[in-house]
């Protein structure tokens, strides 16, 4: 009998030990799954929010760089028909003057882009390669123009700015590209 009681006690201790080990394993697995899920969801939220904060400045830089180019073809404003948006498909908008070097803008190209934006702002967003809204400010001497939609009037919640020194018709000035959104970042 003594042997059974000892054996019985060892058996109960082993069962208790196995229960504890089993519970710890299940608890560890549950914590691991929770941590993995939390990390995955957190990473997705971070990607959604940082995506906009990375894309918007890149778009501002790209638009500014493209606007400093002469565009394609060189005389693209003469090919634009404001009543026929299909004529816009064969051009790449650039405000640069081929003869003046980089940063030298053509006033005729500036006014052509302004007319395009006034005619169909949404289509010019596509033409400029902008997923968000834009406002292009050109200040040079007496010229003080805004092309696009102003962020202040539209209650923008995020604005990214790219500035470039330019020359318009021989007068030094500033090209400012604002890429903005009035939706919370990450929910474009």
N, C-alpha and C. Protein backbone atom coordinates (compact mmCIF):
# COMPACT_ATOMS: atom_id res chain seq x y z
N UNK A 1 0.79 -1.17 0.00
CA UNK A 1 0.00 0.00 0.00
C UNK A 1 0.85 1.26 0.00
N UNK A 2 1.90 1.22 0.76
CA UNK A 2 2.76 2.39 0.83
C UNK A 2 3.29 2.73 -0.55
N UNK A 3 3.60 1.69 -1.31
CA UNK A 3 4.11 1.91 -2.65
C UNK A 3 3.06 2.62 -3.51
N UNK A 4 1.79 2.23 -3.40
CA UNK A 4 0.72 2.84 -4.18
C UNK A 4 0.50 4.29 -3.79
N UNK A 5 0.55 4.54 -2.50
CA UNK A 5 0.33 5.92 -2.10
C UNK A 5 1.47 6.82 -2.60
N UNK A 6 2.67 6.32 -2.57
CA UNK A 6 3.78 7.11 -3.10
C UNK A 6 3.60 7.25 -4.61
N UNK A 7 3.27 6.12 -5.21
CA UNK A 7 3.07 6.15 -6.65
C UNK A 7 1.91 7.07 -7.02
N UNK A 8 0.86 7.03 -6.20
CA UNK A 8 -0.29 7.90 -6.43
C UNK A 8 0.08 9.37 -6.31
N UNK A 9 0.91 9.70 -5.34
CA UNK A 9 1.33 11.09 -5.18
C UNK A 9 2.19 11.54 -6.35
N UNK A 10 3.08 10.71 -6.78
CA UNK A 10 3.93 11.06 -7.92
C UNK A 10 3.06 11.25 -9.15
N UNK A 11 2.08 10.38 -9.31
CA UNK A 11 1.18 10.48 -10.46
C UNK A 11 0.41 11.78 -10.44
N UNK A 12 -0.10 12.15 -9.27
CA UNK A 12 -0.85 13.41 -9.20
C UNK A 12 0.06 14.60 -9.48
N UNK A 13 1.29 14.54 -9.00
CA UNK A 13 2.24 15.61 -9.27
C UNK A 13 2.57 15.71 -10.74
N UNK A 14 2.68 14.59 -11.38
CA UNK A 14 2.98 14.59 -12.80
C UNK A 14 1.81 15.15 -13.60
N UNK A 15 0.60 14.79 -13.21
CA UNK A 15 -0.58 15.31 -13.93
C UNK A 15 -0.65 16.82 -13.76
N UNK A 16 -0.45 17.29 -12.53
CA UNK A 16 -0.46 18.73 -12.29
C UNK A 16 0.62 19.41 -13.11
N UNK A 17 1.78 18.83 -13.19
CA UNK A 17 2.88 19.37 -13.94
C UNK A 17 2.54 19.39 -15.43
N UNK A 18 1.95 18.34 -15.95
CA UNK A 18 1.56 18.31 -17.36
C UNK A 18 0.47 19.34 -17.65
N UNK A 19 -0.47 19.52 -16.72
CA UNK A 19 -1.51 20.54 -16.90
C UNK A 19 -0.89 21.94 -16.98
N UNK A 20 0.06 22.19 -16.11
CA UNK A 20 0.71 23.50 -16.11
C UNK A 20 1.49 23.73 -17.40
N UNK A 21 2.21 22.72 -17.82
CA UNK A 21 2.98 22.85 -19.06
C UNK A 21 2.05 23.07 -20.24
N UNK A 22 0.98 22.30 -20.31
CA UNK A 22 0.01 22.43 -21.38
C UNK A 22 -0.62 23.84 -21.38
N UNK A 23 -0.99 24.34 -20.20
CA UNK A 23 -1.57 25.67 -20.08
C UNK A 23 -0.57 26.74 -20.50
N UNK A 24 0.69 26.57 -20.12
CA UNK A 24 1.71 27.55 -20.49
C UNK A 24 1.94 27.55 -22.01
N UNK A 25 1.91 26.38 -22.60
CA UNK A 25 2.08 26.29 -24.05
C UNK A 25 0.92 27.00 -24.75
N UNK A 26 -0.31 26.71 -24.32
CA UNK A 26 -1.48 27.37 -24.93
C UNK A 26 -1.42 28.89 -24.71
N UNK A 27 -1.06 29.30 -23.51
CA UNK A 27 -0.94 30.74 -23.21
C UNK A 27 0.13 31.38 -24.09
N UNK A 28 1.26 30.70 -24.25
CA UNK A 28 2.35 31.22 -25.09
C UNK A 28 1.91 31.34 -26.55
N UNK A 29 1.20 30.32 -27.02
CA UNK A 29 0.71 30.37 -28.41
C UNK A 29 -0.28 31.52 -28.58
N UNK A 30 -1.17 31.70 -27.61
CA UNK A 30 -2.15 32.79 -27.69
C UNK A 30 -1.45 34.15 -27.68
N UNK A 31 -0.46 34.34 -26.84
CA UNK A 31 0.29 35.60 -26.79
C UNK A 31 1.05 35.82 -28.09
N UNK A 32 1.63 34.78 -28.65
CA UNK A 32 2.35 34.89 -29.92
C UNK A 32 1.41 35.30 -31.04
N UNK A 33 0.24 34.67 -31.11
CA UNK A 33 -0.75 35.03 -32.14
C UNK A 33 -1.21 36.47 -31.95
N UNK A 34 -1.46 36.87 -30.73
CA UNK A 34 -1.86 38.25 -30.44
C UNK A 34 -0.78 39.23 -30.85
N UNK A 35 0.47 38.94 -30.51
CA UNK A 35 1.59 39.82 -30.87
C UNK A 35 1.75 39.91 -32.38
N UNK A 36 1.65 38.78 -33.06
CA UNK A 36 1.76 38.77 -34.52
C UNK A 36 0.64 39.59 -35.15
N UNK A 37 -0.60 39.39 -34.69
CA UNK A 37 -1.74 40.14 -35.21
C UNK A 37 -1.57 41.63 -34.95
N UNK A 38 -1.16 41.98 -33.75
CA UNK A 38 -0.96 43.39 -33.40
C UNK A 38 0.11 44.02 -34.29
N UNK A 39 1.21 43.32 -34.50
CA UNK A 39 2.29 43.83 -35.34
C UNK A 39 1.83 43.99 -36.78
N UNK A 40 1.08 43.04 -37.29
CA UNK A 40 0.59 43.11 -38.66
C UNK A 40 -0.36 44.29 -38.84
N UNK A 41 -1.32 44.42 -37.95
CA UNK A 41 -2.28 45.52 -38.06
C UNK A 41 -1.58 46.86 -37.88
N UNK A 42 -0.69 46.94 -36.92
CA UNK A 42 0.06 48.17 -36.68
C UNK A 42 0.88 48.54 -37.91
N UNK A 43 1.51 47.55 -38.54
CA UNK A 43 2.29 47.80 -39.74
C UNK A 43 1.44 48.29 -40.90
N UNK A 44 0.23 47.73 -41.03
CA UNK A 44 -0.66 48.16 -42.09
C UNK A 44 -1.13 49.59 -41.87
N UNK A 45 -1.43 49.94 -40.64
CA UNK A 45 -1.86 51.30 -40.33
C UNK A 45 -0.71 52.26 -40.59
N UNK A 46 0.50 51.90 -40.15
CA UNK A 46 1.67 52.75 -40.40
C UNK A 46 1.91 52.93 -41.89
N UNK A 47 1.77 51.86 -42.65
CA UNK A 47 1.98 51.95 -44.10
C UNK A 47 0.95 52.86 -44.74
N UNK A 48 -0.29 52.77 -44.28
CA UNK A 48 -1.34 53.61 -44.84
C UNK A 48 -1.06 55.08 -44.56
N UNK A 49 -0.67 55.41 -43.34
CA UNK A 49 -0.42 56.80 -42.99
C UNK A 49 0.90 57.31 -43.56
N UNK A 50 1.93 56.50 -43.53
CA UNK A 50 3.21 56.97 -44.05
C UNK A 50 3.19 56.99 -45.57
N UNK A 51 2.34 56.18 -46.20
CA UNK A 51 2.26 56.18 -47.65
C UNK A 51 1.95 57.56 -48.19
N UNK A 52 0.97 58.22 -47.61
CA UNK A 52 0.60 59.56 -48.05
C UNK A 52 1.70 60.56 -47.74
N UNK A 53 2.32 60.42 -46.58
CA UNK A 53 3.33 61.38 -46.20
C UNK A 53 4.61 61.19 -47.00
N UNK A 54 4.76 60.07 -47.68
CA UNK A 54 5.90 59.86 -48.56
C UNK A 54 5.53 60.24 -49.99
N UNK A 55 4.35 59.89 -50.41
CA UNK A 55 3.93 60.13 -51.80
C UNK A 55 3.73 61.62 -52.08
N UNK A 56 3.11 62.33 -51.17
CA UNK A 56 2.81 63.74 -51.43
C UNK A 56 4.07 64.58 -51.68
N UNK A 57 5.12 64.48 -50.85
CA UNK A 57 6.32 65.27 -51.15
C UNK A 57 6.99 64.83 -52.45
N UNK A 58 6.96 63.54 -52.74
CA UNK A 58 7.54 63.07 -54.01
C UNK A 58 6.79 63.64 -55.20
N UNK A 59 5.45 63.70 -55.09
CA UNK A 59 4.67 64.28 -56.18
C UNK A 59 4.97 65.77 -56.32
N UNK A 60 5.13 66.48 -55.21
CA UNK A 60 5.45 67.90 -55.27
C UNK A 60 6.80 68.11 -55.98
N UNK A 61 7.79 67.30 -55.64
CA UNK A 61 9.11 67.41 -56.28
C UNK A 61 9.04 67.06 -57.76
N UNK A 62 8.30 66.01 -58.08
CA UNK A 62 8.18 65.58 -59.47
C UNK A 62 7.47 66.62 -60.32
N UNK A 63 6.38 67.17 -59.80
CA UNK A 63 5.64 68.19 -60.55
C UNK A 63 6.53 69.41 -60.78
N UNK A 64 7.25 69.86 -59.75
CA UNK A 64 8.14 71.02 -59.90
C UNK A 64 9.21 70.74 -60.95
N UNK A 65 9.82 69.57 -60.88
CA UNK A 65 10.86 69.20 -61.85
C UNK A 65 10.30 69.17 -63.27
N UNK A 66 9.12 68.57 -63.43
CA UNK A 66 8.50 68.49 -64.76
C UNK A 66 8.12 69.87 -65.28
N UNK A 67 7.66 70.75 -64.39
CA UNK A 67 7.29 72.09 -64.83
C UNK A 67 8.50 72.90 -65.28
N UNK A 68 9.66 72.62 -64.73
CA UNK A 68 10.88 73.31 -65.15
C UNK A 68 11.35 72.86 -66.52
N UNK A 69 10.89 71.70 -66.97
CA UNK A 69 11.26 71.20 -68.30
C UNK A 69 10.43 71.92 -69.36
N UNK A 70 10.88 71.87 -70.62
CA UNK A 70 10.09 72.52 -71.68
C UNK A 70 8.82 71.76 -72.05
N UNK A 71 8.68 70.52 -71.59
CA UNK A 71 7.52 69.72 -71.97
C UNK A 71 7.74 69.07 -73.32
N UNK A 72 6.71 68.36 -73.75
CA UNK A 72 6.82 67.68 -75.04
C UNK A 72 5.48 67.73 -75.76
N UNK A 73 5.46 67.99 -77.00
CA UNK A 73 6.55 68.53 -77.83
C UNK A 73 6.87 69.97 -77.41
N UNK A 74 7.94 70.50 -77.93
CA UNK A 74 8.41 71.82 -77.52
C UNK A 74 7.30 72.87 -77.58
N UNK A 75 6.54 72.89 -78.62
CA UNK A 75 5.45 73.88 -78.76
C UNK A 75 4.10 73.33 -78.35
N UNK A 76 4.04 72.60 -77.25
CA UNK A 76 2.81 71.92 -76.84
C UNK A 76 1.61 72.85 -76.68
N UNK A 77 1.75 74.11 -76.26
CA UNK A 77 0.54 74.94 -76.12
C UNK A 77 -0.25 75.11 -77.43
N UNK A 78 0.45 75.09 -78.57
CA UNK A 78 -0.25 75.25 -79.85
C UNK A 78 -1.08 74.01 -80.20
N UNK A 79 -0.81 72.88 -79.55
CA UNK A 79 -1.55 71.65 -79.83
C UNK A 79 -2.75 71.46 -78.90
N UNK A 80 -2.89 72.32 -77.91
CA UNK A 80 -3.97 72.19 -76.93
C UNK A 80 -5.24 72.83 -77.47
N UNK A 81 -6.31 72.07 -77.44
CA UNK A 81 -7.64 72.57 -77.76
C UNK A 81 -8.46 72.40 -76.48
N UNK A 82 -8.83 73.51 -75.85
CA UNK A 82 -9.51 73.44 -74.56
C UNK A 82 -10.85 72.72 -74.61
N UNK A 83 -11.49 72.71 -75.76
CA UNK A 83 -12.78 72.04 -75.87
C UNK A 83 -12.64 70.55 -76.22
N UNK A 84 -11.41 70.11 -76.54
CA UNK A 84 -11.16 68.71 -76.89
C UNK A 84 -10.06 68.17 -75.98
N UNK A 85 -10.46 67.49 -74.90
CA UNK A 85 -9.48 66.97 -73.93
C UNK A 85 -8.57 65.92 -74.54
N UNK A 86 -8.99 65.29 -75.63
CA UNK A 86 -8.14 64.30 -76.28
C UNK A 86 -6.86 64.94 -76.83
N UNK A 87 -6.90 66.23 -77.15
CA UNK A 87 -5.70 66.91 -77.65
C UNK A 87 -4.66 67.06 -76.54
N UNK A 88 -5.08 66.90 -75.29
CA UNK A 88 -4.16 67.02 -74.15
C UNK A 88 -3.36 65.74 -73.95
N UNK A 89 -3.84 64.64 -74.50
CA UNK A 89 -3.22 63.34 -74.25
C UNK A 89 -1.85 63.20 -74.90
N UNK A 90 -1.58 63.95 -75.94
CA UNK A 90 -0.34 63.81 -76.68
C UNK A 90 0.73 64.80 -76.25
N UNK A 91 0.51 65.48 -75.13
CA UNK A 91 1.49 66.46 -74.67
C UNK A 91 1.95 66.12 -73.25
N UNK A 92 3.12 66.57 -72.94
CA UNK A 92 3.66 66.51 -71.59
C UNK A 92 3.89 67.95 -71.17
N UNK A 93 3.16 68.39 -70.15
CA UNK A 93 3.19 69.79 -69.76
C UNK A 93 4.52 70.12 -69.09
N UNK A 94 5.15 71.16 -69.58
CA UNK A 94 6.36 71.74 -68.99
C UNK A 94 6.32 73.22 -69.28
N UNK A 95 6.79 74.02 -68.36
CA UNK A 95 6.72 75.48 -68.53
C UNK A 95 8.05 76.08 -68.96
N UNK A 96 9.09 75.26 -69.03
CA UNK A 96 10.42 75.75 -69.35
C UNK A 96 10.55 76.19 -70.80
N UNK A 97 11.40 77.18 -70.97
CA UNK A 97 11.73 77.67 -72.31
C UNK A 97 12.99 76.95 -72.76
N UNK A 98 12.97 76.35 -73.93
CA UNK A 98 14.11 75.57 -74.41
C UNK A 98 15.33 76.45 -74.63
N UNK A 99 15.11 77.69 -74.97
CA UNK A 99 16.24 78.58 -75.29
C UNK A 99 16.87 79.22 -74.05
N UNK A 100 16.15 79.29 -72.93
CA UNK A 100 16.65 80.03 -71.78
C UNK A 100 17.37 79.21 -70.73
N UNK A 101 17.43 77.91 -70.87
CA UNK A 101 18.09 77.10 -69.86
C UNK A 101 17.12 76.72 -68.75
N UNK A 102 17.62 75.88 -67.83
CA UNK A 102 16.75 75.38 -66.77
C UNK A 102 16.33 76.51 -65.83
N UNK A 103 15.05 76.49 -65.48
CA UNK A 103 14.51 77.51 -64.58
C UNK A 103 13.99 78.74 -65.30
N UNK A 104 14.17 78.80 -66.62
CA UNK A 104 13.66 79.92 -67.40
C UNK A 104 12.30 79.51 -67.97
N UNK A 105 11.23 80.10 -67.44
CA UNK A 105 9.88 79.71 -67.82
C UNK A 105 9.32 80.57 -68.93
N UNK A 106 8.47 79.96 -69.74
CA UNK A 106 7.80 80.63 -70.84
C UNK A 106 6.42 81.11 -70.37
N UNK A 107 6.16 82.40 -70.50
CA UNK A 107 4.87 82.94 -70.06
C UNK A 107 3.72 82.35 -70.88
N UNK A 108 3.95 82.07 -72.17
CA UNK A 108 2.86 81.49 -72.98
C UNK A 108 2.50 80.08 -72.48
N UNK A 109 3.49 79.32 -72.03
CA UNK A 109 3.22 77.99 -71.49
C UNK A 109 2.52 78.10 -70.13
N UNK A 110 2.89 79.09 -69.35
CA UNK A 110 2.24 79.31 -68.05
C UNK A 110 0.75 79.60 -68.27
N UNK A 111 0.46 80.50 -69.20
CA UNK A 111 -0.94 80.84 -69.46
C UNK A 111 -1.72 79.69 -70.10
N UNK A 112 -1.03 78.86 -70.90
CA UNK A 112 -1.69 77.68 -71.47
C UNK A 112 -2.09 76.70 -70.37
N UNK A 113 -1.19 76.44 -69.41
CA UNK A 113 -1.52 75.55 -68.30
C UNK A 113 -2.63 76.16 -67.44
N UNK A 114 -2.60 77.45 -67.24
CA UNK A 114 -3.65 78.11 -66.47
C UNK A 114 -5.01 77.92 -67.15
N UNK A 115 -5.06 78.07 -68.46
CA UNK A 115 -6.31 77.87 -69.21
C UNK A 115 -6.78 76.43 -69.11
N UNK A 116 -5.85 75.50 -69.18
CA UNK A 116 -6.20 74.09 -69.06
C UNK A 116 -6.81 73.81 -67.68
N UNK A 117 -6.18 74.32 -66.63
CA UNK A 117 -6.67 74.09 -65.27
C UNK A 117 -8.03 74.75 -65.06
N UNK A 118 -8.22 75.94 -65.63
CA UNK A 118 -9.52 76.60 -65.51
C UNK A 118 -10.60 75.84 -66.28
N UNK A 119 -10.21 75.22 -67.39
CA UNK A 119 -11.15 74.49 -68.23
C UNK A 119 -11.53 73.14 -67.60
N UNK A 120 -10.54 72.39 -67.10
CA UNK A 120 -10.80 71.06 -66.54
C UNK A 120 -9.70 70.71 -65.54
N UNK A 121 -9.90 71.14 -64.32
CA UNK A 121 -8.91 70.93 -63.25
C UNK A 121 -8.60 69.45 -63.05
N UNK A 122 -9.64 68.60 -63.00
CA UNK A 122 -9.44 67.17 -62.77
C UNK A 122 -8.55 66.54 -63.83
N UNK A 123 -8.73 66.95 -65.07
CA UNK A 123 -7.93 66.37 -66.15
C UNK A 123 -6.48 66.83 -66.05
N UNK A 124 -6.26 68.07 -65.60
CA UNK A 124 -4.88 68.54 -65.45
C UNK A 124 -4.17 67.81 -64.32
N UNK A 125 -4.92 67.35 -63.32
CA UNK A 125 -4.29 66.54 -62.26
C UNK A 125 -3.68 65.29 -62.89
N UNK A 126 -4.42 64.67 -63.78
CA UNK A 126 -3.90 63.48 -64.48
C UNK A 126 -2.72 63.86 -65.35
N UNK A 127 -2.84 64.96 -66.05
CA UNK A 127 -1.78 65.41 -66.95
C UNK A 127 -0.48 65.68 -66.19
N UNK A 128 -0.60 66.22 -64.98
CA UNK A 128 0.58 66.52 -64.16
C UNK A 128 1.04 65.30 -63.34
N UNK A 129 0.24 64.24 -63.33
CA UNK A 129 0.59 63.04 -62.58
C UNK A 129 0.40 63.20 -61.08
N UNK A 130 -0.65 63.91 -60.70
CA UNK A 130 -0.91 64.19 -59.29
C UNK A 130 -2.13 63.40 -58.83
N UNK A 131 -1.97 62.64 -57.75
CA UNK A 131 -3.08 61.88 -57.19
C UNK A 131 -3.89 62.73 -56.22
N UNK A 132 -3.27 63.76 -55.68
CA UNK A 132 -3.94 64.65 -54.73
C UNK A 132 -4.31 65.94 -55.46
N UNK A 133 -4.67 66.96 -54.73
CA UNK A 133 -4.94 68.26 -55.33
C UNK A 133 -3.65 69.06 -55.42
N UNK A 134 -3.67 70.09 -56.26
CA UNK A 134 -2.47 70.90 -56.44
C UNK A 134 -2.81 72.37 -56.58
N UNK A 135 -1.83 73.20 -56.27
CA UNK A 135 -1.87 74.63 -56.53
C UNK A 135 -0.46 75.04 -56.91
N UNK A 136 -0.31 75.66 -58.06
CA UNK A 136 1.00 76.09 -58.55
C UNK A 136 1.01 77.62 -58.48
N UNK A 137 1.95 78.16 -57.74
CA UNK A 137 2.07 79.61 -57.60
C UNK A 137 3.31 80.06 -58.37
N UNK A 138 3.13 81.09 -59.18
CA UNK A 138 4.25 81.65 -59.93
C UNK A 138 4.29 83.14 -59.63
N UNK A 139 5.40 83.55 -59.03
CA UNK A 139 5.59 84.96 -58.67
C UNK A 139 6.88 85.43 -59.32
N UNK A 140 6.75 86.43 -60.17
CA UNK A 140 7.91 86.99 -60.87
C UNK A 140 7.57 88.40 -61.29
N UNK A 141 8.20 89.39 -60.68
CA UNK A 141 7.91 90.78 -61.00
C UNK A 141 6.44 91.08 -60.75
N UNK A 142 5.76 91.56 -61.80
CA UNK A 142 4.33 91.88 -61.68
C UNK A 142 3.46 90.62 -61.78
N UNK A 143 4.04 89.51 -62.19
CA UNK A 143 3.27 88.26 -62.33
C UNK A 143 3.08 87.61 -60.96
N UNK A 144 1.84 87.36 -60.62
CA UNK A 144 1.50 86.68 -59.37
C UNK A 144 0.31 85.78 -59.66
N UNK A 145 0.58 84.55 -60.11
CA UNK A 145 -0.47 83.65 -60.59
C UNK A 145 -0.64 82.43 -59.70
N UNK A 146 -1.85 81.93 -59.70
CA UNK A 146 -2.17 80.67 -59.03
C UNK A 146 -2.87 79.78 -60.05
N UNK A 147 -2.33 78.59 -60.23
CA UNK A 147 -2.90 77.62 -61.17
C UNK A 147 -3.32 76.40 -60.35
N UNK A 148 -4.58 76.07 -60.38
CA UNK A 148 -5.08 74.93 -59.62
C UNK A 148 -6.08 75.36 -58.58
N UNK A 149 -6.14 74.60 -57.50
CA UNK A 149 -7.08 74.87 -56.42
C UNK A 149 -6.31 75.29 -55.17
N UNK A 150 -6.67 76.41 -54.56
CA UNK A 150 -5.97 76.86 -53.35
C UNK A 150 -6.32 75.98 -52.15
N UNK A 151 -5.32 75.54 -51.40
CA UNK A 151 -5.57 74.65 -50.27
C UNK A 151 -6.31 75.32 -49.12
N UNK A 152 -6.08 76.60 -48.90
CA UNK A 152 -6.71 77.30 -47.78
C UNK A 152 -8.22 77.36 -47.91
N UNK A 153 -8.71 77.64 -49.08
CA UNK A 153 -10.14 77.75 -49.34
C UNK A 153 -10.82 76.38 -49.20
N UNK A 154 -10.07 75.33 -49.52
CA UNK A 154 -10.62 73.97 -49.52
C UNK A 154 -10.35 73.20 -48.23
N UNK A 155 -9.92 73.89 -47.20
CA UNK A 155 -9.71 73.29 -45.87
C UNK A 155 -8.75 72.09 -45.91
N UNK A 156 -7.58 72.32 -46.50
CA UNK A 156 -6.57 71.27 -46.60
C UNK A 156 -6.10 70.85 -45.21
N UNK A 157 -5.90 69.54 -45.04
CA UNK A 157 -5.38 69.03 -43.77
C UNK A 157 -3.90 68.66 -43.88
N UNK A 158 -3.40 68.53 -45.10
CA UNK A 158 -1.98 68.26 -45.32
C UNK A 158 -1.54 68.97 -46.59
N UNK A 159 -0.42 69.68 -46.51
CA UNK A 159 0.12 70.41 -47.65
C UNK A 159 1.62 70.15 -47.72
N UNK A 160 2.09 69.82 -48.90
CA UNK A 160 3.52 69.67 -49.13
C UNK A 160 3.94 70.67 -50.18
N UNK A 161 5.05 71.35 -49.92
CA UNK A 161 5.47 72.48 -50.74
C UNK A 161 6.84 72.20 -51.34
N UNK A 162 6.98 72.53 -52.61
CA UNK A 162 8.28 72.47 -53.30
C UNK A 162 8.49 73.82 -53.98
N UNK A 163 9.59 74.47 -53.67
CA UNK A 163 9.89 75.79 -54.25
C UNK A 163 11.11 75.68 -55.16
N UNK A 164 11.04 76.43 -56.26
CA UNK A 164 12.15 76.49 -57.21
C UNK A 164 12.34 77.93 -57.66
N UNK A 165 13.59 78.37 -57.71
CA UNK A 165 13.89 79.69 -58.27
C UNK A 165 13.74 79.60 -59.79
N UNK A 166 13.08 80.60 -60.35
CA UNK A 166 12.84 80.62 -61.80
C UNK A 166 13.09 82.02 -62.34
N UNK A 167 13.06 82.09 -63.66
CA UNK A 167 13.12 83.36 -64.38
C UNK A 167 11.97 83.33 -65.38
N UNK A 168 11.11 84.34 -65.34
CA UNK A 168 9.99 84.43 -66.28
C UNK A 168 10.18 85.71 -67.10
N UNK A 169 10.38 85.53 -68.40
CA UNK A 169 10.60 86.65 -69.31
C UNK A 169 11.70 87.58 -68.80
N UNK A 170 12.79 86.98 -68.32
CA UNK A 170 13.95 87.75 -67.88
C UNK A 170 13.87 88.28 -66.46
N UNK A 171 12.77 88.04 -65.76
CA UNK A 171 12.59 88.56 -64.40
C UNK A 171 12.68 87.39 -63.41
N UNK A 172 13.57 87.49 -62.40
CA UNK A 172 13.67 86.41 -61.42
C UNK A 172 12.37 86.25 -60.63
N UNK A 173 12.11 85.03 -60.23
CA UNK A 173 10.89 84.77 -59.48
C UNK A 173 10.94 83.44 -58.76
N UNK A 174 9.78 82.98 -58.35
CA UNK A 174 9.66 81.74 -57.57
C UNK A 174 8.49 80.92 -58.12
N UNK A 175 8.76 79.62 -58.30
CA UNK A 175 7.73 78.64 -58.63
C UNK A 175 7.48 77.84 -57.37
N UNK A 176 6.25 77.82 -56.90
CA UNK A 176 5.89 77.07 -55.70
C UNK A 176 4.81 76.06 -56.07
N UNK A 177 5.10 74.80 -55.82
CA UNK A 177 4.14 73.73 -56.07
C UNK A 177 3.62 73.25 -54.72
N UNK A 178 2.31 73.30 -54.55
CA UNK A 178 1.68 72.80 -53.33
C UNK A 178 0.85 71.58 -53.70
N UNK A 179 1.16 70.46 -53.09
CA UNK A 179 0.35 69.24 -53.23
C UNK A 179 -0.38 69.10 -51.90
N UNK A 180 -1.69 68.98 -51.97
CA UNK A 180 -2.47 69.01 -50.72
C UNK A 180 -3.65 68.06 -50.78
N UNK A 181 -4.20 67.79 -49.60
CA UNK A 181 -5.41 66.98 -49.50
C UNK A 181 -6.26 67.52 -48.36
N UNK A 182 -7.55 67.37 -48.50
CA UNK A 182 -8.46 67.75 -47.41
C UNK A 182 -9.09 66.51 -46.78
N UNK A 183 -8.51 65.35 -47.06
CA UNK A 183 -8.93 64.11 -46.39
C UNK A 183 -7.81 63.70 -45.44
N UNK A 184 -8.15 63.04 -44.35
CA UNK A 184 -7.10 62.59 -43.42
C UNK A 184 -6.09 61.69 -44.14
N UNK A 185 -4.82 61.86 -43.82
CA UNK A 185 -3.77 61.06 -44.47
C UNK A 185 -4.03 59.59 -44.26
N UNK A 186 -3.80 58.83 -45.30
CA UNK A 186 -4.00 57.40 -45.24
C UNK A 186 -5.36 56.97 -45.77
N UNK A 187 -6.24 57.96 -46.07
CA UNK A 187 -7.57 57.63 -46.59
C UNK A 187 -7.81 58.39 -47.87
N UNK A 188 -6.85 58.39 -48.77
CA UNK A 188 -6.94 59.17 -50.00
C UNK A 188 -8.10 58.81 -50.85
